Protein backbone atom coordinates (compact mmCIF):
# COMPACT_ATOMS: atom_id res chain seq x y z
CA MET A 1 15.87 -9.83 163.93
CA THR A 2 17.04 -6.82 162.09
CA THR A 3 15.65 -5.56 158.67
CA ALA A 4 18.25 -5.33 155.93
CA TYR A 5 18.10 -2.11 154.07
CA ARG A 6 17.79 -2.40 150.27
CA PRO A 7 18.23 0.38 147.99
CA GLY A 8 15.09 -0.24 145.97
CA ASP A 9 13.21 0.14 149.29
CA SER A 10 13.36 3.84 149.53
CA LYS A 11 12.53 4.21 145.77
CA ARG A 12 9.47 2.14 146.24
CA GLU A 13 8.45 4.00 149.44
CA GLU A 14 8.82 7.38 147.42
CA PHE A 15 6.64 5.96 144.62
CA ARG A 16 3.97 4.79 147.19
CA LYS A 17 3.91 8.14 148.72
CA TYR A 18 3.61 9.78 145.38
CA LEU A 19 0.65 7.54 144.51
CA GLU A 20 -0.96 8.12 147.81
CA LYS A 21 -0.50 11.80 147.44
CA ALA A 22 -1.97 12.01 143.98
CA GLY A 23 -4.91 10.09 145.08
CA VAL A 24 -4.17 7.01 142.90
CA LEU A 25 -4.27 4.56 145.63
CA ASP A 26 -7.52 5.68 146.89
CA ALA A 27 -9.10 5.57 143.36
CA LEU A 28 -7.74 2.18 142.98
CA THR A 29 -9.07 0.95 146.21
CA LYS A 30 -12.58 2.44 145.34
CA ILE A 31 -12.69 0.69 142.24
CA LEU A 32 -11.55 -2.58 143.52
CA VAL A 33 -13.98 -2.45 146.43
CA ALA A 34 -16.77 -1.81 143.69
CA LEU A 35 -15.47 -4.91 141.89
CA TYR A 36 -15.51 -6.94 145.03
CA GLU A 37 -19.25 -5.71 145.78
CA GLU A 38 -20.39 -6.64 142.44
CA PRO A 39 -22.95 -9.49 143.03
CA GLU A 40 -22.15 -10.88 139.61
CA LYS A 41 -18.65 -10.68 138.74
CA PRO A 42 -17.74 -9.53 135.23
CA ASN A 43 -16.13 -11.93 132.87
CA ASP A 44 -13.44 -9.23 132.09
CA ALA A 45 -12.29 -7.59 135.30
CA LEU A 46 -9.68 -5.38 133.50
CA ASP A 47 -12.46 -4.10 131.31
CA PHE A 48 -14.40 -3.33 134.58
CA LEU A 49 -11.37 -1.53 135.83
CA LYS A 50 -11.10 0.33 132.68
CA GLN A 51 -14.70 1.54 132.55
CA HIS A 52 -14.55 2.82 136.09
CA MET A 53 -11.37 4.55 135.73
CA GLY A 54 -12.84 6.36 132.74
CA THR A 55 -15.54 8.04 134.92
CA ALA A 56 -13.11 10.99 135.60
CA GLY A 57 -14.32 12.86 132.52
CA PRO A 58 -13.83 12.89 128.69
CA ASP A 59 -10.74 12.58 126.86
CA THR A 60 -9.05 15.47 125.61
CA ALA A 61 -9.51 14.50 122.06
CA ASP A 62 -13.22 14.13 122.56
CA VAL A 63 -13.53 17.74 124.00
CA GLU A 64 -11.56 19.10 121.21
CA ALA A 65 -13.75 17.23 118.50
CA LEU A 66 -17.02 18.54 120.36
CA ARG A 67 -15.47 22.11 120.33
CA LEU A 68 -14.88 21.96 116.67
CA GLN A 69 -18.36 20.47 116.10
CA VAL A 70 -19.89 23.32 118.17
CA SER A 71 -17.97 25.81 116.31
CA GLU A 72 -19.11 24.43 112.91
CA LEU A 73 -22.72 24.35 113.99
CA GLN A 74 -22.57 28.07 115.31
CA GLN A 75 -21.26 29.06 111.78
CA LYS A 76 -24.20 27.01 110.26
CA VAL A 77 -26.74 28.52 112.38
CA GLU A 78 -25.43 31.93 111.31
CA GLN A 79 -25.45 31.05 107.67
CA LEU A 80 -29.06 29.79 107.99
CA GLN A 81 -30.10 32.93 109.92
CA ASP A 82 -28.86 34.99 107.18
CA GLU A 83 -30.61 33.00 104.53
CA ASN A 84 -33.68 33.07 106.42
CA LYS A 85 -33.78 36.97 106.72
CA GLU A 86 -32.94 36.98 102.77
CA LEU A 87 -35.83 34.77 102.08
CA ARG A 88 -38.19 36.70 104.30
CA ALA A 89 -37.15 39.93 102.58
CA LYS A 90 -38.03 38.44 99.17
CA ILE A 91 -41.50 37.14 100.16
CA GLN A 92 -42.09 40.63 101.76
CA GLN A 93 -41.20 42.26 98.66
CA GLU A 94 -43.39 39.84 96.59
CA ASN A 95 -46.35 39.96 98.96
CA PRO A 96 -46.24 43.37 100.79
CA GLU A 97 -49.71 42.59 102.51
CA MET A 98 -48.14 39.78 104.60
CA GLU A 99 -47.56 40.43 108.24
CA GLN A 100 -44.41 41.91 109.33
CA GLY A 101 -42.20 40.34 111.80
CA GLY A 102 -43.81 37.07 112.05
CA GLY A 103 -41.21 34.76 113.78
CA GLU A 104 -38.04 36.45 112.60
CA ASN A 105 -34.69 35.59 114.40
C-alpha cells in the first residue's frame, strides 16, 4: 500500500514543526492535561483554556497603563514633597521654637 503525496501535506508538516519549535504544542498539551486532570470539569472548557493561556504575563496594554500610572504617581509624590517642605518652612517661620528636621523627607 503506497501513500499518495498531497501538496497540502508538506505545508501541514511545516506548520506542525513551526508550532512544535515555538513551544505551542507543548503549551497546549499542558493546558489540555490540566483540563483532563480537573476533578470537576468547568462548564466552559474554552474559558478554562483562555484563563490558562493567559498565565504567561500581562498584556502590553496593561503594562503600558501601569507605567503611565507609576509616572503620574511619581510626579504627585514630588509635588507633595515640595508642598510638605514649603509648609514645614512656614511653620518653622511662625514657630521658631519647634524642633528642626522632625520627619522631613
